[in-house]
Every structure is written in C-alpha cells, then in structure tokens.
PDB file of all heavy atoms in Angstrom:
ATOM      1  N   GLY A   1      14.938  -6.133  14.442  1.00  0.00           N
ATOM      2  CA  GLY A   1      13.664  -5.917  13.894  1.00  0.00           C
ATOM      3  C   GLY A   1      13.557  -4.487  13.354  1.00  0.00           C
ATOM      4  O   GLY A   1      12.623  -4.325  12.472  1.00  0.00           O
ATOM      5  N   THR A   2      14.414  -3.642  13.746  1.00  0.00           N
ATOM      6  CA  THR A   2      14.359  -2.206  13.175  1.00  0.00           C
ATOM      7  C   THR A   2      15.032  -2.057  11.857  1.00  0.00           C
ATOM      8  O   THR A   2      14.407  -1.565  10.921  1.00  0.00           O
ATOM      9  CB  THR A   2      14.945  -1.298  14.317  1.00  0.00           C
ATOM     10  OG1 THR A   2      14.243  -1.464  15.481  1.00  0.00           O
ATOM     11  CG2 THR A   2      14.849   0.192  13.830  1.00  0.00           C
ATOM     12  N   TRP A   3      16.340  -2.449  11.770  1.00  0.00           N
ATOM     13  CA  TRP A   3      17.119  -2.226  10.524  1.00  0.00           C
ATOM     14  C   TRP A   3      16.564  -3.103   9.465  1.00  0.00           C
ATOM     15  O   TRP A   3      16.509  -2.758   8.237  1.00  0.00           O
ATOM     16  CB  TRP A   3      18.532  -2.263  10.704  1.00  0.00           C
ATOM     17  CG  TRP A   3      19.155  -3.559  11.344  1.00  0.00           C
ATOM     18  CD1 TRP A   3      19.438  -3.678  12.547  1.00  0.00           C
ATOM     19  CD2 TRP A   3      19.418  -4.754  10.637  1.00  0.00           C
ATOM     20  NE1 TRP A   3      19.961  -4.916  12.788  1.00  0.00           N
ATOM     21  CE2 TRP A   3      19.968  -5.582  11.628  1.00  0.00           C
ATOM     22  CE3 TRP A   3      19.237  -5.185   9.346  1.00  0.00           C
ATOM     23  CZ2 TRP A   3      20.396  -6.927  11.260  1.00  0.00           C
ATOM     24  CZ3 TRP A   3      19.569  -6.389   9.008  1.00  0.00           C
ATOM     25  CH2 TRP A   3      20.135  -7.364   9.963  1.00  0.00           C
ATOM     26  N   LEU A   4      16.119  -4.353   9.824  1.00  0.00           N
ATOM     27  CA  LEU A   4      15.522  -5.229   8.794  1.00  0.00           C
ATOM     28  C   LEU A   4      14.208  -4.736   8.346  1.00  0.00           C
ATOM     29  O   LEU A   4      14.020  -4.840   7.092  1.00  0.00           O
ATOM     30  CB  LEU A   4      15.487  -6.651   9.365  1.00  0.00           C
ATOM     31  CG  LEU A   4      14.968  -7.743   8.495  1.00  0.00           C
ATOM     32  CD1 LEU A   4      15.874  -7.869   7.203  1.00  0.00           C
ATOM     33  CD2 LEU A   4      14.983  -9.098   9.089  1.00  0.00           C
ATOM     34  N   GLU A   5      13.425  -4.204   9.147  1.00  0.00           N
ATOM     35  CA  GLU A   5      12.158  -3.613   8.678  1.00  0.00           C
ATOM     36  C   GLU A   5      12.505  -2.448   7.759  1.00  0.00           C
ATOM     37  O   GLU A   5      11.689  -2.291   6.700  1.00  0.00           O
ATOM     38  CB  GLU A   5      11.286  -3.025   9.857  1.00  0.00           C
ATOM     39  CG  GLU A   5      10.821  -4.177  10.782  1.00  0.00           C
ATOM     40  CD  GLU A   5       9.505  -4.768  10.376  1.00  0.00           C
ATOM     41  OE1 GLU A   5       9.158  -4.597   9.285  1.00  0.00           O
ATOM     42  OE2 GLU A   5       8.982  -5.505  11.156  1.00  0.00           O
ATOM     43  N   GLY A   6      13.510  -1.717   8.047  1.00  0.00           N
ATOM     44  CA  GLY A   6      13.864  -0.577   7.126  1.00  0.00           C
ATOM     45  C   GLY A   6      14.244  -1.051   5.741  1.00  0.00           C
ATOM     46  O   GLY A   6      13.839  -0.420   4.743  1.00  0.00           O
ATOM     47  N   ILE A   7      15.037  -2.163   5.693  1.00  0.00           N
ATOM     48  CA  ILE A   7      15.357  -2.707   4.374  1.00  0.00           C
ATOM     49  C   ILE A   7      14.147  -3.265   3.671  1.00  0.00           C
ATOM     50  O   ILE A   7      13.967  -3.010   2.415  1.00  0.00           O
ATOM     51  CB  ILE A   7      16.403  -3.826   4.586  1.00  0.00           C
ATOM     52  CG1 ILE A   7      17.707  -3.239   5.111  1.00  0.00           C
ATOM     53  CG2 ILE A   7      16.681  -4.500   3.226  1.00  0.00           C
ATOM     54  CD1 ILE A   7      18.806  -4.263   5.550  1.00  0.00           C
ATOM     55  N   VAL A   8      13.292  -3.998   4.353  1.00  0.00           N
ATOM     56  CA  VAL A   8      12.155  -4.556   3.720  1.00  0.00           C
ATOM     57  C   VAL A   8      11.234  -3.418   3.237  1.00  0.00           C
ATOM     58  O   VAL A   8      10.654  -3.511   2.112  1.00  0.00           O
ATOM     59  CB  VAL A   8      11.408  -5.431   4.736  1.00  0.00           C
ATOM     60  CG1 VAL A   8      10.037  -5.850   4.136  1.00  0.00           C
ATOM     61  CG2 VAL A   8      12.179  -6.658   5.048  1.00  0.00           C
ATOM     62  N   ASN A   9      11.060  -2.305   3.996  1.00  0.00           N
ATOM     63  CA  ASN A   9      10.259  -1.279   3.583  1.00  0.00           C
ATOM     64  C   ASN A   9      10.855  -0.565   2.312  1.00  0.00           C
ATOM     65  O   ASN A   9      10.044  -0.172   1.412  1.00  0.00           O
ATOM     66  CB  ASN A   9      10.111  -0.161   4.662  1.00  0.00           C
ATOM     67  CG  ASN A   9       9.137  -0.602   5.760  1.00  0.00           C
ATOM     68  OD1 ASN A   9       8.348  -1.559   5.529  1.00  0.00           O
ATOM     69  ND2 ASN A   9       9.149   0.062   6.922  1.00  0.00           N
ATOM     70  N   ALA A  10      12.099  -0.440   2.289  1.00  0.00           N
ATOM     71  CA  ALA A  10      12.768   0.162   1.042  1.00  0.00           C
ATOM     72  C   ALA A  10      12.493  -0.658  -0.188  1.00  0.00           C
ATOM     73  O   ALA A  10      12.108  -0.080  -1.208  1.00  0.00           O
ATOM     74  CB  ALA A  10      14.228   0.421   1.341  1.00  0.00           C
ATOM     75  N   VAL A  11      12.616  -1.921  -0.025  1.00  0.00           N
ATOM     76  CA  VAL A  11      12.348  -2.830  -1.177  1.00  0.00           C
ATOM     77  C   VAL A  11      10.869  -2.801  -1.612  1.00  0.00           C
ATOM     78  O   VAL A  11      10.519  -2.784  -2.713  1.00  0.00           O
ATOM     79  CB  VAL A  11      12.725  -4.232  -0.823  1.00  0.00           C
ATOM     80  CG1 VAL A  11      12.273  -5.312  -1.866  1.00  0.00           C
ATOM     81  CG2 VAL A  11      14.315  -4.398  -0.701  1.00  0.00           C
ATOM     82  N   THR A  12       9.978  -2.706  -0.614  1.00  0.00           N
ATOM     83  CA  THR A  12       8.524  -2.890  -0.796  1.00  0.00           C
ATOM     84  C   THR A  12       8.092  -1.531  -1.394  1.00  0.00           C
ATOM     85  O   THR A  12       7.229  -1.515  -2.302  1.00  0.00           O
ATOM     86  CB  THR A  12       7.776  -3.144   0.462  1.00  0.00           C
ATOM     87  OG1 THR A  12       8.292  -4.326   1.089  1.00  0.00           O
ATOM     88  CG2 THR A  12       6.308  -3.321   0.232  1.00  0.00           C
ATOM     89  N   HIS A  13       8.520  -0.362  -0.955  1.00  0.00           N
ATOM     90  CA  HIS A  13       7.815   0.963  -1.310  1.00  0.00           C
ATOM     91  C   HIS A  13       8.730   1.859  -2.172  1.00  0.00           C
ATOM     92  O   HIS A  13       8.243   2.954  -2.467  1.00  0.00           O
ATOM     93  CB  HIS A  13       7.478   1.702  -0.015  1.00  0.00           C
ATOM     94  CG  HIS A  13       6.500   0.779   0.872  1.00  0.00           C
ATOM     95  ND1 HIS A  13       5.240   0.509   0.493  1.00  0.00           N
ATOM     96  CD2 HIS A  13       6.733   0.371   2.111  1.00  0.00           C
ATOM     97  CE1 HIS A  13       4.712  -0.124   1.482  1.00  0.00           C
ATOM     98  NE2 HIS A  13       5.592  -0.261   2.437  1.00  0.00           N
ATOM     99  N   ARG A  14       9.880   1.361  -2.632  1.00  0.00           N
ATOM    100  CA  ARG A  14      10.683   2.317  -3.411  1.00  0.00           C
ATOM    101  C   ARG A  14      10.010   2.607  -4.794  1.00  0.00           C
ATOM    102  O   ARG A  14       9.141   1.877  -5.271  1.00  0.00           O
ATOM    103  CB  ARG A  14      12.056   1.786  -3.733  1.00  0.00           C
ATOM    104  CG  ARG A  14      12.040   0.511  -4.633  1.00  0.00           C
ATOM    105  CD  ARG A  14      13.401   0.358  -5.356  1.00  0.00           C
ATOM    106  NE  ARG A  14      13.596   1.301  -6.447  1.00  0.00           N
ATOM    107  CZ  ARG A  14      14.733   1.377  -7.149  1.00  0.00           C
ATOM    108  NH1 ARG A  14      15.748   0.517  -6.960  1.00  0.00           N
ATOM    109  NH2 ARG A  14      14.749   2.311  -8.090  1.00  0.00           N
ATOM    110  N   ALA A  15      10.381   3.775  -5.434  1.00  0.00           N
ATOM    111  CA  ALA A  15       9.861   4.116  -6.697  1.00  0.00           C
ATOM    112  C   ALA A  15      10.614   3.382  -7.829  1.00  0.00           C
ATOM    113  O   ALA A  15      11.744   3.859  -8.132  1.00  0.00           O
ATOM    114  CB  ALA A  15       9.921   5.589  -6.892  1.00  0.00           C
ATOM    115  N   TYR A  16      10.067   2.228  -8.273  1.00  0.00           N
ATOM    116  CA  TYR A  16      10.878   1.437  -9.301  1.00  0.00           C
ATOM    117  C   TYR A  16      10.930   2.088 -10.629  1.00  0.00           C
ATOM    118  O   TYR A  16      11.655   1.710 -11.571  1.00  0.00           O
ATOM    119  CB  TYR A  16      10.293   0.032  -9.360  1.00  0.00           C
ATOM    120  CG  TYR A  16      10.630  -0.820  -8.120  1.00  0.00           C
ATOM    121  CD1 TYR A  16       9.841  -0.886  -7.063  1.00  0.00           C
ATOM    122  CD2 TYR A  16      11.924  -1.532  -8.219  1.00  0.00           C
ATOM    123  CE1 TYR A  16      10.186  -1.658  -5.917  1.00  0.00           C
ATOM    124  CE2 TYR A  16      12.239  -2.282  -7.064  1.00  0.00           C
ATOM    125  CZ  TYR A  16      11.341  -2.354  -5.974  1.00  0.00           C
ATOM    126  OH  TYR A  16      11.767  -3.163  -4.906  1.00  0.00           O
ATOM    127  N   ASN A  17      10.185   3.152 -10.847  1.00  0.00           N
ATOM    128  CA  ASN A  17      10.180   3.838 -12.165  1.00  0.00           C
ATOM    129  C   ASN A  17      11.363   4.807 -12.247  1.00  0.00           C
ATOM    130  O   ASN A  17      11.551   5.331 -13.322  1.00  0.00           O
ATOM    131  CB  ASN A  17       8.954   4.576 -12.414  1.00  0.00           C
ATOM    132  CG  ASN A  17       8.620   5.645 -11.337  1.00  0.00           C
ATOM    133  OD1 ASN A  17       8.851   5.350 -10.214  1.00  0.00           O
ATOM    134  ND2 ASN A  17       8.202   6.843 -11.760  1.00  0.00           N
ATOM    135  N   LEU A  18      12.064   4.985 -11.192  1.00  0.00           N
ATOM    136  CA  LEU A  18      13.225   5.982 -11.095  1.00  0.00           C
ATOM    137  C   LEU A  18      14.461   5.217 -11.543  1.00  0.00           C
ATOM    138  O   LEU A  18      14.870   4.235 -10.846  1.00  0.00           O
ATOM    139  CB  LEU A  18      13.377   6.718  -9.822  1.00  0.00           C
ATOM    140  CG  LEU A  18      12.191   7.546  -9.381  1.00  0.00           C
ATOM    141  CD1 LEU A  18      12.542   8.224  -7.948  1.00  0.00           C
ATOM    142  CD2 LEU A  18      11.999   8.751 -10.498  1.00  0.00           C
ATOM    143  N   ASN A  19      15.151   5.620 -12.509  1.00  0.00           N
ATOM    144  CA  ASN A  19      16.384   4.975 -13.005  1.00  0.00           C
ATOM    145  C   ASN A  19      17.528   5.787 -12.441  1.00  0.00           C
ATOM    146  O   ASN A  19      17.476   6.991 -12.139  1.00  0.00           O
ATOM    147  CB  ASN A  19      16.383   4.859 -14.461  1.00  0.00           C
ATOM    148  CG  ASN A  19      15.314   3.928 -15.026  1.00  0.00           C
ATOM    149  OD1 ASN A  19      14.982   2.955 -14.391  1.00  0.00           O
ATOM    150  ND2 ASN A  19      14.691   4.381 -16.202  1.00  0.00           N
ATOM    151  N   GLY A  20      18.710   5.099 -12.455  1.00  0.00           N
ATOM    152  CA  GLY A  20      19.919   5.874 -12.025  1.00  0.00           C
ATOM    153  C   GLY A  20      20.182   5.924 -10.560  1.00  0.00           C
ATOM    154  O   GLY A  20      21.134   6.557 -10.066  1.00  0.00           O
ATOM    155  N   ASP A  21      19.307   5.273  -9.759  1.00  0.00           N
ATOM    156  CA  ASP A  21      19.490   5.264  -8.330  1.00  0.00           C
ATOM    157  C   ASP A  21      19.155   3.908  -7.841  1.00  0.00           C
ATOM    158  O   ASP A  21      18.403   3.062  -8.458  1.00  0.00           O
ATOM    159  CB  ASP A  21      18.626   6.303  -7.644  1.00  0.00           C
ATOM    160  CG  ASP A  21      19.108   6.614  -6.227  1.00  0.00           C
ATOM    161  OD1 ASP A  21      20.105   6.040  -5.752  1.00  0.00           O
ATOM    162  OD2 ASP A  21      18.423   7.360  -5.446  1.00  0.00           O
ATOM    163  N   ASP A  22      19.713   3.569  -6.651  1.00  0.00           N
ATOM    164  CA  ASP A  22      19.399   2.205  -6.053  1.00  0.00           C
ATOM    165  C   ASP A  22      19.102   2.350  -4.563  1.00  0.00           C
ATOM    166  O   ASP A  22      19.398   3.331  -3.997  1.00  0.00           O
ATOM    167  CB  ASP A  22      20.682   1.289  -6.131  1.00  0.00           C
ATOM    168  CG  ASP A  22      21.104   1.079  -7.664  1.00  0.00           C
ATOM    169  OD1 ASP A  22      20.257   0.412  -8.374  1.00  0.00           O
ATOM    170  OD2 ASP A  22      22.153   1.599  -8.024  1.00  0.00           O
ATOM    171  N   ILE A  23      18.549   1.305  -3.956  1.00  0.00           N
ATOM    172  CA  ILE A  23      18.414   1.243  -2.528  1.00  0.00           C
ATOM    173  C   ILE A  23      19.861   1.023  -2.028  1.00  0.00           C
ATOM    174  O   ILE A  23      20.662   0.229  -2.485  1.00  0.00           O
ATOM    175  CB  ILE A  23      17.570   0.060  -2.203  1.00  0.00           C
ATOM    176  CG1 ILE A  23      16.121   0.311  -2.561  1.00  0.00           C
ATOM    177  CG2 ILE A  23      17.670  -0.163  -0.597  1.00  0.00           C
ATOM    178  CD1 ILE A  23      15.258  -0.961  -2.293  1.00  0.00           C
ATOM    179  N   ARG A  24      20.298   1.966  -1.054  1.00  0.00           N
ATOM    180  CA  ARG A  24      21.678   1.853  -0.493  1.00  0.00           C
ATOM    181  C   ARG A  24      21.510   1.761   1.088  1.00  0.00           C
ATOM    182  O   ARG A  24      20.763   2.429   1.637  1.00  0.00           O
ATOM    183  CB  ARG A  24      22.432   3.084  -0.949  1.00  0.00           C
ATOM    184  CG  ARG A  24      22.568   3.198  -2.392  1.00  0.00           C
ATOM    185  CD  ARG A  24      23.755   4.194  -2.737  1.00  0.00           C
ATOM    186  NE  ARG A  24      23.497   5.499  -2.244  1.00  0.00           N
ATOM    187  CZ  ARG A  24      22.822   6.512  -2.993  1.00  0.00           C
ATOM    188  NH1 ARG A  24      22.394   6.270  -4.142  1.00  0.00           N
ATOM    189  NH2 ARG A  24      22.803   7.674  -2.399  1.00  0.00           N
ATOM    190  N   ILE A  25      22.444   0.942   1.585  1.00  0.00           N
ATOM    191  CA  ILE A  25      22.661   0.733   3.064  1.00  0.00           C
ATOM    192  C   ILE A  25      23.992   1.385   3.400  1.00  0.00           C
ATOM    193  O   ILE A  25      25.035   0.792   2.884  1.00  0.00           O
ATOM    194  CB  ILE A  25      22.480  -0.689   3.499  1.00  0.00           C
ATOM    195  CG1 ILE A  25      21.094  -1.233   3.049  1.00  0.00           C
ATOM    196  CG2 ILE A  25      22.586  -0.755   5.007  1.00  0.00           C
ATOM    197  CD1 ILE A  25      21.044  -2.697   3.286  1.00  0.00           C
ATOM    198  N   ILE A  26      23.965   2.488   4.151  1.00  0.00           N
ATOM    199  CA  ILE A  26      25.224   3.181   4.417  1.00  0.00           C
ATOM    200  C   ILE A  26      25.387   3.039   5.988  1.00  0.00           C
ATOM    201  O   ILE A  26      24.607   3.594   6.768  1.00  0.00           O
ATOM    202  CB  ILE A  26      25.101   4.590   3.974  1.00  0.00           C
ATOM    203  CG1 ILE A  26      24.568   4.714   2.598  1.00  0.00           C
ATOM    204  CG2 ILE A  26      26.491   5.375   4.196  1.00  0.00           C
ATOM    205  CD1 ILE A  26      24.024   6.060   2.161  1.00  0.00           C
ATOM    206  N   MET A  27      26.544   2.513   6.333  1.00  0.00           N
ATOM    207  CA  MET A  27      26.826   2.298   7.844  1.00  0.00           C
ATOM    208  C   MET A  27      27.985   3.095   8.323  1.00  0.00           C
ATOM    209  O   MET A  27      29.031   3.189   7.729  1.00  0.00           O
ATOM    210  CB  MET A  27      27.095   0.795   8.006  1.00  0.00           C
ATOM    211  CG  MET A  27      26.041  -0.152   7.600  1.00  0.00           C
ATOM    212  SD  MET A  27      26.391  -1.779   7.924  1.00  0.00           S
ATOM    213  CE  MET A  27      26.430  -1.904   9.703  1.00  0.00           C
ATOM    214  N   TYR A  28      27.730   3.873   9.404  1.00  0.00           N
ATOM    215  CA  TYR A  28      28.702   4.673  10.028  1.00  0.00           C
ATOM    216  C   TYR A  28      28.923   4.161  11.442  1.00  0.00           C
ATOM    217  O   TYR A  28      28.202   3.235  11.901  1.00  0.00           O
ATOM    218  CB  TYR A  28      28.272   6.204  10.079  1.00  0.00           C
ATOM    219  CG  TYR A  28      28.112   6.924   8.763  1.00  0.00           C
ATOM    220  CD1 TYR A  28      26.893   6.900   8.069  1.00  0.00           C
ATOM    221  CD2 TYR A  28      29.222   7.392   8.124  1.00  0.00           C
ATOM    222  CE1 TYR A  28      26.744   7.477   6.909  1.00  0.00           C
ATOM    223  CE2 TYR A  28      29.107   7.975   6.858  1.00  0.00           C
ATOM    224  CZ  TYR A  28      27.868   8.052   6.240  1.00  0.00           C
ATOM    225  OH  TYR A  28      27.714   8.680   4.976  1.00  0.00           O
ATOM    226  N   ASP A  29      29.880   4.780  12.167  1.00  0.00           N
ATOM    227  CA  ASP A  29      30.137   4.312  13.506  1.00  0.00           C
ATOM    228  C   ASP A  29      28.932   4.530  14.429  1.00  0.00           C
ATOM    229  O   ASP A  29      28.749   3.729  15.359  1.00  0.00           O
ATOM    230  CB  ASP A  29      31.384   5.060  14.058  1.00  0.00           C
ATOM    231  CG  ASP A  29      31.932   4.313  15.255  1.00  0.00           C
ATOM    232  OD1 ASP A  29      32.033   3.119  15.320  1.00  0.00           O
ATOM    233  OD2 ASP A  29      32.258   5.078  16.227  1.00  0.00           O
ATOM    234  N   ASP A  30      28.183   5.572  14.227  1.00  0.00           N
ATOM    235  CA  ASP A  30      27.160   5.915  15.113  1.00  0.00           C
ATOM    236  C   ASP A  30      25.723   5.804  14.503  1.00  0.00           C
ATOM    237  O   ASP A  30      24.712   6.145  15.187  1.00  0.00           O
ATOM    238  CB  ASP A  30      27.328   7.362  15.696  1.00  0.00           C
ATOM    239  CG  ASP A  30      27.268   8.341  14.610  1.00  0.00           C
ATOM    240  OD1 ASP A  30      27.396   8.003  13.372  1.00  0.00           O
ATOM    241  OD2 ASP A  30      27.068   9.537  14.874  1.00  0.00           O
ATOM    242  N   ARG A  31      25.598   5.383  13.278  1.00  0.00           N
ATOM    243  CA  ARG A  31      24.232   5.355  12.619  1.00  0.00           C
ATOM    244  C   ARG A  31      24.303   4.443  11.382  1.00  0.00           C
ATOM    245  O   ARG A  31      25.393   4.188  10.798  1.00  0.00           O
ATOM    246  CB  ARG A  31      23.774   6.716  12.333  1.00  0.00           C
ATOM    247  CG  ARG A  31      24.600   7.459  11.113  1.00  0.00           C
ATOM    248  CD  ARG A  31      24.290   8.855  11.131  1.00  0.00           C
ATOM    249  NE  ARG A  31      24.935   9.612  10.068  1.00  0.00           N
ATOM    250  CZ  ARG A  31      26.195   9.993  10.003  1.00  0.00           C
ATOM    251  NH1 ARG A  31      27.043   9.738  11.086  1.00  0.00           N
ATOM    252  NH2 ARG A  31      26.662  10.616   8.973  1.00  0.00           N
ATOM    253  N   ILE A  32      23.128   4.069  11.009  1.00  0.00           N
ATOM    254  CA  ILE A  32      22.903   3.329   9.727  1.00  0.00           C
ATOM    255  C   ILE A  32      21.854   4.054   8.947  1.00  0.00           C
ATOM    256  O   ILE A  32      20.830   4.478   9.517  1.00  0.00           O
ATOM    257  CB  ILE A  32      22.526   1.951   9.978  1.00  0.00           C
ATOM    258  CG1 ILE A  32      22.385   1.067   8.656  1.00  0.00           C
ATOM    259  CG2 ILE A  32      21.303   1.723  10.818  1.00  0.00           C
ATOM    260  CD1 ILE A  32      22.272  -0.373   8.902  1.00  0.00           C
TER     261      ILE A  32
END
C-alpha cells in the first residue's frame, strides 16, 4: 500500500507541462 500509493500519487500529481523528464522508479538494495 505504500509504494503503490507513491506511484499513483506521482501519476496523479506530476507536472505534465514539464517536458524532458518522466516519472521514474529507482530501486536500490535498501530503498526505493
């Protein structure tokens, strides 16, 4: 419920007027 909420929030609230960048999910051994 935590990381999925984070993804949904990013999709819902990102600034779609900004070009040249995307929503990114970056996974490390100890964090996401």
